[in-house]
Amino acid sequence: MATSEQTKQTTGMYVYGIVPADVEVADDATGVADGTVEVITHGDIAALVSGLSVDRALGAPGDLRAHADLL
């Protein structure tokens, strides 16, 4: 059986919000921690997401600005 150290995940997904599926993100859009923003669709809706290290604390002023600027 694998130990928790062997299976520890180091990256996760930051979700900015749920939007209509036809939304287009600008090519130069960046998210929290300068993450590349992706659109994940499901039917008529989509989620705006970017990858993020799970070891990184969230909530710095720059994080909040990046979140608000993207939306």
N, C-alpha and C. Protein backbone atom coordinates (compact mmCIF):
# COMPACT_ATOMS: atom_id res chain seq x y z
N MET A 1 0.84 -1.18 0.00
CA MET A 1 0.00 0.00 0.00
C MET A 1 0.89 1.25 0.00
N ALA A 2 0.55 2.25 -0.80
CA ALA A 2 1.33 3.47 -0.91
C ALA A 2 1.15 4.33 0.34
N THR A 3 2.23 4.97 0.73
CA THR A 3 2.13 5.88 1.87
C THR A 3 1.55 7.21 1.40
N SER A 4 1.07 8.02 2.34
CA SER A 4 0.49 9.31 1.97
C SER A 4 1.52 10.22 1.34
N GLU A 5 2.79 10.07 1.69
CA GLU A 5 3.85 10.89 1.09
C GLU A 5 4.03 10.55 -0.39
N GLN A 6 3.89 9.30 -0.75
CA GLN A 6 4.03 8.88 -2.14
C GLN A 6 2.88 9.36 -3.00
N THR A 7 1.69 9.52 -2.44
CA THR A 7 0.52 9.88 -3.22
C THR A 7 0.11 11.34 -3.03
N LYS A 8 0.94 12.11 -2.34
CA LYS A 8 0.61 13.50 -2.07
C LYS A 8 0.51 14.28 -3.38
N GLN A 9 -0.60 14.95 -3.57
CA GLN A 9 -0.82 15.76 -4.76
C GLN A 9 -0.25 17.14 -4.53
N THR A 10 0.46 17.68 -5.53
CA THR A 10 1.08 18.99 -5.36
C THR A 10 0.40 20.08 -6.16
N THR A 11 -0.50 19.73 -7.05
CA THR A 11 -1.22 20.74 -7.82
C THR A 11 -2.72 20.51 -7.73
N GLY A 12 -3.45 21.59 -7.87
CA GLY A 12 -4.90 21.53 -7.85
C GLY A 12 -5.45 22.50 -8.87
N MET A 13 -6.75 22.69 -8.86
CA MET A 13 -7.41 23.61 -9.77
C MET A 13 -8.06 24.73 -8.97
N TYR A 14 -7.81 25.95 -9.40
CA TYR A 14 -8.45 27.12 -8.81
C TYR A 14 -9.64 27.45 -9.69
N VAL A 15 -10.83 27.54 -9.12
CA VAL A 15 -12.04 27.83 -9.88
C VAL A 15 -12.42 29.29 -9.65
N TYR A 16 -12.48 30.06 -10.73
CA TYR A 16 -12.83 31.47 -10.67
C TYR A 16 -14.33 31.69 -10.66
N GLY A 17 -15.03 30.87 -11.39
CA GLY A 17 -16.47 31.02 -11.44
C GLY A 17 -17.10 30.17 -12.53
N ILE A 18 -18.42 30.14 -12.51
CA ILE A 18 -19.21 29.43 -13.50
C ILE A 18 -19.78 30.46 -14.46
N VAL A 19 -19.62 30.21 -15.76
CA VAL A 19 -20.00 31.16 -16.80
C VAL A 19 -20.75 30.42 -17.91
N PRO A 20 -21.36 31.15 -18.84
CA PRO A 20 -21.97 30.49 -20.00
C PRO A 20 -20.91 29.73 -20.80
N ALA A 21 -21.29 28.63 -21.42
CA ALA A 21 -20.34 27.78 -22.13
C ALA A 21 -19.67 28.46 -23.31
N ASP A 22 -20.29 29.49 -23.86
CA ASP A 22 -19.72 30.15 -25.03
C ASP A 22 -18.75 31.28 -24.69
N VAL A 23 -18.38 31.43 -23.42
CA VAL A 23 -17.45 32.48 -23.02
C VAL A 23 -16.08 32.23 -23.64
N GLU A 24 -15.41 33.30 -24.00
CA GLU A 24 -14.05 33.20 -24.55
C GLU A 24 -13.11 33.99 -23.64
N VAL A 25 -12.01 33.38 -23.29
CA VAL A 25 -11.01 34.03 -22.44
C VAL A 25 -9.95 34.64 -23.36
N ALA A 26 -9.55 35.87 -23.06
CA ALA A 26 -8.51 36.52 -23.86
C ALA A 26 -7.22 35.70 -23.81
N ASP A 27 -6.49 35.70 -24.92
CA ASP A 27 -5.24 34.94 -25.00
C ASP A 27 -4.23 35.34 -23.93
N ASP A 28 -4.25 36.61 -23.53
CA ASP A 28 -3.28 37.09 -22.55
C ASP A 28 -3.81 37.07 -21.11
N ALA A 29 -4.96 36.45 -20.90
CA ALA A 29 -5.55 36.39 -19.55
C ALA A 29 -4.67 35.52 -18.65
N THR A 30 -4.42 36.02 -17.46
CA THR A 30 -3.70 35.23 -16.46
C THR A 30 -4.51 35.22 -15.18
N GLY A 31 -4.34 34.17 -14.43
CA GLY A 31 -5.08 34.03 -13.20
C GLY A 31 -4.18 34.17 -11.98
N VAL A 32 -4.64 33.63 -10.90
CA VAL A 32 -3.91 33.65 -9.64
C VAL A 32 -2.56 32.97 -9.86
N ALA A 33 -1.50 33.57 -9.32
CA ALA A 33 -0.13 33.06 -9.45
C ALA A 33 0.28 32.96 -10.92
N ASP A 34 -0.22 33.88 -11.73
CA ASP A 34 0.08 33.91 -13.17
C ASP A 34 -0.30 32.62 -13.88
N GLY A 35 -1.32 31.95 -13.38
CA GLY A 35 -1.77 30.70 -13.98
C GLY A 35 -2.45 30.92 -15.32
N THR A 36 -2.33 29.94 -16.20
CA THR A 36 -3.00 29.95 -17.49
C THR A 36 -4.45 29.58 -17.28
N VAL A 37 -5.36 30.44 -17.74
CA VAL A 37 -6.78 30.24 -17.52
C VAL A 37 -7.35 29.35 -18.62
N GLU A 38 -8.14 28.37 -18.21
CA GLU A 38 -8.79 27.46 -19.13
C GLU A 38 -10.30 27.50 -18.92
N VAL A 39 -11.03 27.13 -19.96
CA VAL A 39 -12.49 27.03 -19.89
C VAL A 39 -12.84 25.55 -19.99
N ILE A 40 -13.52 25.03 -18.99
CA ILE A 40 -13.98 23.65 -18.99
C ILE A 40 -15.49 23.67 -19.12
N THR A 41 -16.00 23.13 -20.22
CA THR A 41 -17.43 23.21 -20.49
C THR A 41 -18.15 21.92 -20.13
N HIS A 42 -19.43 22.09 -19.83
CA HIS A 42 -20.34 20.97 -19.59
C HIS A 42 -21.73 21.46 -19.96
N GLY A 43 -22.20 21.04 -21.10
CA GLY A 43 -23.51 21.50 -21.56
C GLY A 43 -23.49 22.99 -21.82
N ASP A 44 -24.42 23.70 -21.22
CA ASP A 44 -24.57 25.14 -21.43
C ASP A 44 -23.74 26.00 -20.49
N ILE A 45 -22.99 25.36 -19.59
CA ILE A 45 -22.19 26.13 -18.63
C ILE A 45 -20.72 25.75 -18.75
N ALA A 46 -19.88 26.58 -18.15
CA ALA A 46 -18.44 26.31 -18.13
C ALA A 46 -17.85 26.84 -16.84
N ALA A 47 -16.68 26.34 -16.50
CA ALA A 47 -15.94 26.83 -15.34
C ALA A 47 -14.64 27.46 -15.85
N LEU A 48 -14.30 28.61 -15.31
CA LEU A 48 -13.00 29.23 -15.58
C LEU A 48 -12.06 28.73 -14.50
N VAL A 49 -10.96 28.09 -14.89
CA VAL A 49 -10.04 27.47 -13.94
C VAL A 49 -8.60 27.71 -14.34
N SER A 50 -7.70 27.53 -13.39
CA SER A 50 -6.27 27.48 -13.68
C SER A 50 -5.61 26.56 -12.67
N GLY A 51 -4.47 26.02 -13.05
CA GLY A 51 -3.72 25.17 -12.15
C GLY A 51 -3.04 26.01 -11.07
N LEU A 52 -2.82 25.39 -9.92
CA LEU A 52 -2.23 26.10 -8.79
C LEU A 52 -1.57 25.09 -7.86
N SER A 53 -0.43 25.45 -7.31
CA SER A 53 0.23 24.61 -6.33
C SER A 53 -0.59 24.56 -5.05
N VAL A 54 -0.80 23.38 -4.52
CA VAL A 54 -1.56 23.26 -3.28
C VAL A 54 -0.75 23.69 -2.06
N ASP A 55 0.54 23.85 -2.23
CA ASP A 55 1.41 24.31 -1.14
C ASP A 55 1.39 25.82 -0.99
N ARG A 56 0.76 26.51 -1.91
CA ARG A 56 0.75 27.98 -1.93
C ARG A 56 -0.46 28.50 -1.15
N ALA A 57 -0.22 29.42 -0.25
CA ALA A 57 -1.32 30.05 0.49
C ALA A 57 -2.08 30.99 -0.45
N LEU A 58 -3.39 31.08 -0.29
CA LEU A 58 -4.23 31.96 -1.09
C LEU A 58 -4.70 33.14 -0.26
N GLY A 59 -5.12 34.20 -0.94
CA GLY A 59 -5.73 35.33 -0.25
C GLY A 59 -4.89 36.58 -0.20
N ALA A 60 -3.72 36.56 -0.84
CA ALA A 60 -2.90 37.77 -0.90
C ALA A 60 -3.62 38.80 -1.78
N PRO A 61 -3.34 40.08 -1.59
CA PRO A 61 -4.00 41.11 -2.40
C PRO A 61 -3.86 40.86 -3.91
N GLY A 62 -2.71 40.38 -4.35
CA GLY A 62 -2.52 40.08 -5.78
C GLY A 62 -3.44 38.96 -6.26
N ASP A 63 -3.70 37.98 -5.39
CA ASP A 63 -4.62 36.90 -5.74
C ASP A 63 -6.03 37.45 -5.96
N LEU A 64 -6.44 38.32 -5.07
CA LEU A 64 -7.79 38.88 -5.16
C LEU A 64 -7.93 39.75 -6.41
N ARG A 65 -6.88 40.51 -6.74
CA ARG A 65 -6.90 41.34 -7.96
C ARG A 65 -6.96 40.46 -9.21
N ALA A 66 -6.16 39.40 -9.23
CA ALA A 66 -6.16 38.51 -10.39
C ALA A 66 -7.52 37.86 -10.57
N HIS A 67 -8.14 37.44 -9.49
CA HIS A 67 -9.48 36.84 -9.55
C HIS A 67 -10.49 37.84 -10.09
N ALA A 68 -10.50 39.04 -9.53
CA ALA A 68 -11.46 40.07 -9.94
C ALA A 68 -11.21 40.52 -11.38
N ASP A 69 -9.95 40.68 -11.76
CA ASP A 69 -9.64 41.11 -13.12
C ASP A 69 -10.10 40.08 -14.16
N LEU A 70 -9.95 38.82 -13.83
CA LEU A 70 -10.37 37.78 -14.77
C LEU A 70 -11.87 37.79 -14.96
N LEU A 71 -12.61 37.92 -13.86
CA LEU A 71 -14.07 37.92 -13.98
C LEU A 71 -14.57 39.21 -14.58
